[in-house]
Amino acid sequence: MKITTAAFTIRTLITTCFLSSFVMYSQTQVTKKPLVITSDSLPGSGEVNWINPTNGLDSNKVYTTDTLTPANPRSAYLKATGFGFALSSNSIITGISFQAIGHCSLPTSNTNVTAYTKLIKNGIIQSADSIGSSGDITINRKGSTDTWITFGGCDSLWKNKWTYQDINNSNFGAAYYVIISAGGIGGIGDVTVSIDAVKMTVCYTTTTGIGTLSQSSLSRMIYPNPTSGMIYLSNQDKYQVSVYDECGKKAYQANLEGAQNLDLSFLANGFYNVAVISGNESYNQKLIIRK
């Protein structure tokens, strides 16, 4: 169902005269494999380098491996770059996920094996970690069945800001590593981690101008705008409202029906995008929060 200014009315108290672009909103995700994988350890750190790291380029049951011991419990970074993303300049990054498929040996139940990932921005490994969705890579403790582990997601920016240039950069990527530790009474044993392949997914929104709204048209879209936190929606249909910050990170989402007051006062001062989806139609409008 198409949302019209008659069905979806938000009023404004803005008195200054200006023009604002009214845009179509859509969300997309793209998954790519890397072209480059290397093992990267800090000199003198005791980190254990991966053997044949390029075996992690393709999922073919030929593995890059790393054997960790109680004396050397941390692997080197398995760095994957060269994903070849080609996002357009109107892309707003909303989330990034990294996935690795593999398995590991686990000699004793006293050994924890935890996998982590840091993203690489412009060739520099960033500080924020993400722990694998499974908590570790030891789902298949008794065999060699491979399991995909996901780090991050379409709603995670890894405590960072990302532009389409960052994503398209050939040095954009991920640094995967593993640490073993004691998980109970008794000593821990050696663990061999085997990785078959990795991939990266980038989630983003794009906007396409579909016209220009005058002051009077805009006044029927947002009330009030700027706002101290409360906005009023008078749509009579079922719809989904999402609010994104300037970096494209989702700050709020709700499924609504009919006229509603939304309290966004928990958000910080700044510029936001309010996306409204009803049926097959979706629209996006800027919102200013000023307390």
Protein backbone atom coordinates (compact mmCIF):
# COMPACT_ATOMS: atom_id res chain seq x y z
CA MET A 1 0.00 0.00 0.00
CA LYS A 2 1.38 3.39 -0.95
CA ILE A 3 1.85 5.90 1.84
CA THR A 4 0.54 9.31 0.83
CA THR A 5 0.71 12.61 2.65
CA ALA A 6 -3.03 12.26 3.24
CA ALA A 7 -2.73 8.83 4.90
CA PHE A 8 0.54 9.49 6.71
CA THR A 9 0.58 12.97 8.26
CA ILE A 10 3.24 14.40 10.55
CA ARG A 11 3.04 18.13 11.25
CA THR A 12 5.86 20.59 11.92
CA LEU A 13 6.36 23.90 13.69
CA ILE A 14 9.30 24.93 11.49
CA THR A 15 8.84 28.54 10.32
CA THR A 16 11.95 28.97 8.17
CA CYS A 17 11.49 28.36 4.45
CA PHE A 18 13.58 25.66 2.80
CA LEU A 19 13.41 22.68 0.45
CA SER A 20 14.03 19.09 1.48
CA SER A 21 14.56 16.01 -0.67
CA PHE A 22 12.02 13.23 -0.21
CA VAL A 23 13.70 9.92 -0.93
CA MET A 24 12.94 6.26 -1.53
CA TYR A 25 14.59 3.99 1.02
CA SER A 26 15.81 0.42 0.49
CA GLN A 27 18.10 -1.95 2.37
CA THR A 28 20.54 -4.31 0.71
CA GLN A 29 23.21 -6.77 1.78
CA VAL A 30 26.14 -8.02 -0.27
CA THR A 31 28.41 -10.98 0.56
CA LYS A 32 31.92 -11.35 -0.86
CA LYS A 33 34.89 -13.69 -0.55
CA PRO A 34 38.39 -12.24 -0.03
CA LEU A 35 41.12 -12.26 -2.63
CA VAL A 36 43.94 -12.09 -0.05
CA ILE A 37 44.48 -14.03 3.19
CA THR A 38 47.67 -13.78 5.26
CA SER A 39 48.91 -14.75 8.73
CA ASP A 40 50.02 -11.77 10.79
CA SER A 41 51.66 -12.08 14.23
CA LEU A 42 53.37 -9.51 16.42
CA PRO A 43 57.14 -10.18 16.79
CA GLY A 44 57.93 -11.76 20.14
CA SER A 45 54.25 -12.07 21.08
CA GLY A 46 54.16 -15.85 21.10
CA GLU A 47 51.23 -15.80 18.69
CA VAL A 48 51.16 -18.93 16.53
CA ASN A 49 51.12 -18.32 12.78
CA TRP A 50 48.60 -20.01 10.52
CA ILE A 51 49.90 -22.70 8.18
CA ASN A 52 48.99 -22.22 4.50
CA PRO A 53 46.67 -19.25 5.14
CA THR A 54 45.63 -19.03 1.46
CA ASN A 55 43.80 -22.34 1.92
CA GLY A 56 41.10 -20.23 3.56
CA LEU A 57 40.21 -18.49 0.31
CA ASP A 58 37.77 -21.14 -0.94
CA SER A 59 35.49 -23.68 0.71
CA ASN A 60 36.98 -26.92 -0.60
CA LYS A 61 37.88 -28.91 2.54
CA VAL A 62 41.51 -27.83 2.20
CA TYR A 63 42.26 -25.96 5.41
CA THR A 64 44.54 -23.36 6.88
CA THR A 65 45.45 -24.62 10.35
CA ASP A 66 46.86 -23.33 13.62
CA THR A 67 47.92 -25.51 16.56
CA LEU A 68 47.67 -23.78 19.94
CA THR A 69 49.26 -25.03 23.16
CA PRO A 70 49.11 -24.05 26.85
CA ALA A 71 52.46 -22.30 26.35
CA ASN A 72 51.25 -20.46 23.23
CA PRO A 73 47.47 -20.16 23.57
CA ARG A 74 46.76 -17.42 21.03
CA SER A 75 46.81 -17.62 17.26
CA ALA A 76 48.14 -14.97 14.96
CA TYR A 77 45.63 -12.88 13.01
CA LEU A 78 44.21 -14.59 9.96
CA LYS A 79 43.81 -11.42 7.88
CA ALA A 80 41.32 -11.41 5.00
CA THR A 81 41.21 -8.43 2.62
CA GLY A 82 40.51 -7.61 -1.03
CA PHE A 83 36.77 -8.33 -0.90
CA GLY A 84 36.06 -6.19 -3.96
CA PHE A 85 32.98 -4.35 -2.71
CA ALA A 86 31.70 -1.63 -5.05
CA LEU A 87 29.07 0.32 -3.11
CA SER A 88 27.60 3.46 -4.62
CA SER A 89 28.16 6.90 -3.13
CA ASN A 90 24.58 7.07 -1.78
CA SER A 91 25.11 3.98 0.38
CA ILE A 92 24.74 4.28 4.17
CA ILE A 93 26.40 1.40 6.02
CA THR A 94 24.07 -0.15 8.62
CA GLY A 95 25.99 -3.29 9.59
CA ILE A 96 28.90 -5.61 8.84
CA SER A 97 29.30 -9.32 9.50
CA PHE A 98 32.24 -11.68 9.04
CA GLN A 99 31.87 -15.45 8.81
CA ALA A 100 34.35 -18.31 9.08
CA ILE A 101 33.69 -22.00 8.51
CA GLY A 102 35.84 -24.65 10.15
CA HIS A 103 36.32 -27.01 13.06
CA CYS A 104 38.86 -27.82 15.75
CA SER A 105 40.21 -30.69 17.77
CA LEU A 106 39.42 -30.63 21.47
CA PRO A 107 41.51 -33.10 23.50
CA THR A 108 39.87 -32.41 26.88
CA SER A 109 36.61 -30.96 28.13
CA ASN A 110 38.70 -28.56 30.25
CA THR A 111 39.73 -26.53 27.20
CA ASN A 112 37.76 -23.53 25.96
CA VAL A 113 38.35 -22.41 22.39
CA THR A 114 37.06 -18.92 21.64
CA ALA A 115 37.16 -17.25 18.24
CA TYR A 116 37.27 -13.47 17.79
CA THR A 117 37.33 -11.02 14.89
CA LYS A 118 38.42 -7.40 14.47
CA LEU A 119 37.63 -5.41 11.33
CA ILE A 120 40.32 -3.82 9.19
CA LYS A 121 39.75 -0.21 8.09
CA ASN A 122 42.08 1.32 5.50
CA GLY A 123 44.62 -1.41 6.27
CA ILE A 124 44.56 -0.82 10.06
CA ILE A 125 43.18 -3.44 12.45
CA GLN A 126 40.52 -1.76 14.59
CA SER A 127 40.24 -2.16 18.36
CA ALA A 128 36.69 -3.51 18.69
CA ASP A 129 36.31 -7.30 18.94
CA SER A 130 33.35 -9.47 18.08
CA ILE A 131 32.97 -12.94 19.58
CA GLY A 132 31.55 -15.63 17.33
CA SER A 133 27.80 -16.19 17.50
CA SER A 134 28.33 -19.70 18.83
CA GLY A 135 30.58 -18.38 21.61
CA ASP A 136 33.44 -20.50 20.32
CA ILE A 137 34.33 -22.80 17.48
CA THR A 138 33.83 -26.00 19.43
CA ILE A 139 30.28 -26.94 18.40
CA ASN A 140 31.53 -30.16 16.82
CA ARG A 141 33.86 -31.25 19.60
CA LYS A 142 34.13 -34.91 18.59
CA GLY A 143 34.52 -34.71 14.84
CA SER A 144 35.66 -32.73 11.85
CA THR A 145 32.27 -31.43 10.68
CA ASP A 146 32.61 -27.79 9.65
CA THR A 147 30.48 -25.07 11.23
CA TRP A 148 29.90 -21.47 10.15
CA ILE A 149 30.46 -18.88 12.87
CA THR A 150 29.15 -15.32 12.44
CA PHE A 151 30.71 -12.19 13.93
CA GLY A 152 28.76 -8.93 13.95
CA GLY A 153 25.60 -8.57 11.86
CA CYS A 154 23.38 -6.23 9.86
CA ASP A 155 22.77 -4.16 12.99
CA SER A 156 26.41 -3.95 14.12
CA LEU A 157 28.93 -1.27 13.11
CA TRP A 158 31.58 -2.67 15.48
CA LYS A 159 31.74 0.60 17.49
CA ASN A 160 32.97 2.45 14.42
CA LYS A 161 31.88 4.72 11.56
CA TRP A 162 31.95 3.40 8.00
CA THR A 163 31.61 5.09 4.63
CA TYR A 164 31.20 3.48 1.24
CA GLN A 165 34.85 4.44 0.54
CA ASP A 166 35.97 2.45 3.60
CA ILE A 167 34.08 -0.62 2.38
CA ASN A 168 35.27 -0.32 -1.23
CA ASN A 169 38.90 0.06 -0.14
CA SER A 170 40.98 -2.97 -1.15
CA ASN A 171 42.45 -3.01 2.38
CA PHE A 172 39.04 -3.35 4.06
CA GLY A 173 38.71 -6.70 5.75
CA ALA A 174 38.78 -8.75 8.93
CA ALA A 175 41.38 -10.15 11.32
CA TYR A 176 40.29 -13.48 12.80
CA TYR A 177 42.05 -15.09 15.77
CA VAL A 178 41.55 -17.82 18.36
CA ILE A 179 42.48 -18.13 22.06
CA ILE A 180 42.38 -21.30 24.17
CA SER A 181 41.92 -21.21 27.93
CA ALA A 182 41.09 -23.44 30.87
CA GLY A 183 37.43 -24.36 31.10
CA GLY A 184 37.40 -26.42 34.28
CA ILE A 185 39.47 -28.42 36.71
CA GLY A 186 42.63 -29.88 35.23
CA GLY A 187 45.09 -28.87 32.56
CA ILE A 188 44.29 -27.85 29.02
CA GLY A 189 45.54 -29.63 25.94
CA ASP A 190 46.80 -28.70 22.50
CA VAL A 191 44.14 -27.59 20.02
CA THR A 192 44.35 -27.49 16.23
CA VAL A 193 41.96 -25.02 14.58
CA SER A 194 41.12 -25.64 10.91
CA ILE A 195 39.51 -22.94 8.75
CA ASP A 196 38.14 -23.81 5.32
CA ALA A 197 36.83 -20.43 4.13
CA VAL A 198 35.74 -16.96 5.21
CA LYS A 199 33.37 -14.33 3.83
CA MET A 200 32.14 -10.82 4.58
CA THR A 201 28.63 -9.36 4.39
CA VAL A 202 27.96 -5.62 4.29
CA CYS A 203 24.44 -4.31 4.94
CA TYR A 204 23.55 -0.84 3.73
CA THR A 205 20.71 1.43 2.75
CA THR A 206 20.48 3.53 -0.39
CA THR A 207 18.34 6.56 -1.12
CA THR A 208 17.04 7.73 -4.47
CA GLY A 209 15.46 11.16 -4.86
CA ILE A 210 11.83 11.02 -6.03
CA GLY A 211 11.06 14.69 -5.90
CA THR A 212 11.42 17.83 -3.81
CA LEU A 213 9.14 18.68 -0.93
CA SER A 214 8.32 22.31 -0.24
CA GLN A 215 7.97 23.69 3.29
CA SER A 216 4.24 22.98 3.25
CA SER A 217 4.77 19.36 2.12
CA LEU A 218 7.45 18.79 4.73
CA SER A 219 5.15 20.15 7.40
CA ARG A 220 2.82 17.24 6.69
CA MET A 221 5.62 14.70 7.23
CA ILE A 222 7.15 15.44 10.65
CA TYR A 223 5.70 17.08 13.72
CA PRO A 224 7.56 18.68 15.34
CA ASN A 225 10.85 18.87 13.47
CA PRO A 226 13.21 19.81 15.10
CA THR A 227 11.91 17.94 18.12
CA SER A 228 13.00 17.54 21.72
CA GLY A 229 12.12 13.87 21.44
CA MET A 230 8.39 13.43 20.74
CA ILE A 231 7.04 13.04 17.21
CA TYR A 232 3.48 12.37 16.10
CA LEU A 233 2.48 9.88 13.38
CA SER A 234 -1.07 9.88 12.04
CA ASN A 235 -0.88 7.02 9.56
CA GLN A 236 -4.04 4.91 9.59
CA ASP A 237 -2.42 1.72 8.27
CA LYS A 238 -0.01 -0.87 9.65
CA TYR A 239 3.57 0.30 9.19
CA GLN A 240 7.13 -0.09 10.47
CA VAL A 241 9.14 2.90 11.69
CA SER A 242 12.94 2.75 11.92
CA VAL A 243 15.22 5.55 13.09
CA TYR A 244 18.87 5.62 11.99
CA ASP A 245 21.67 7.86 13.23
CA GLU A 246 24.06 9.75 10.95
CA CYS A 247 26.30 6.67 10.65
CA GLY A 248 23.41 4.52 9.48
CA LYS A 249 23.15 2.58 12.74
CA LYS A 250 19.62 1.61 13.72
CA ALA A 251 18.65 3.44 16.91
CA TYR A 252 14.96 2.55 17.12
CA GLN A 253 12.40 0.33 15.38
CA ALA A 254 8.73 -0.43 16.01
CA ASN A 255 5.78 -2.00 14.22
CA LEU A 256 2.77 0.32 14.54
CA GLU A 257 -0.80 0.74 13.42
CA GLY A 258 -2.78 3.95 13.27
CA ALA A 259 -1.94 7.30 14.85
CA GLN A 260 0.94 7.16 17.31
CA ASN A 261 3.10 9.37 19.50
CA LEU A 262 6.73 8.24 19.47
CA ASP A 263 9.04 9.18 22.33
CA LEU A 264 12.60 9.45 20.97
CA SER A 265 13.89 11.54 23.87
CA PHE A 266 16.38 8.79 24.75
CA LEU A 267 18.33 9.65 21.59
CA ALA A 268 21.15 12.21 21.67
CA ASN A 269 20.94 15.56 19.91
CA GLY A 270 21.69 15.27 16.22
CA PHE A 271 20.40 14.37 12.77
CA TYR A 272 18.49 11.15 12.14
CA ASN A 273 16.73 9.40 9.27
CA VAL A 274 13.20 8.16 9.91
CA ALA A 275 12.27 5.27 7.59
CA VAL A 276 8.62 4.31 7.23
CA ILE A 277 7.65 1.03 5.55
CA SER A 278 4.05 0.09 4.74
CA GLY A 279 3.35 -2.80 2.41
CA ASN A 280 5.67 -2.55 -0.57
CA GLU A 281 6.36 1.17 -0.12
CA SER A 282 9.13 2.70 1.96
CA TYR A 283 10.12 6.32 2.53
CA ASN A 284 12.86 8.12 4.41
CA GLN A 285 12.87 11.59 6.00
CA LYS A 286 15.46 13.52 7.98
CA LEU A 287 14.68 14.36 11.60
CA ILE A 288 16.48 16.77 13.93
CA ILE A 289 16.53 16.10 17.68
CA ARG A 290 17.37 19.22 19.67
CA LYS A 291 16.84 19.25 23.45
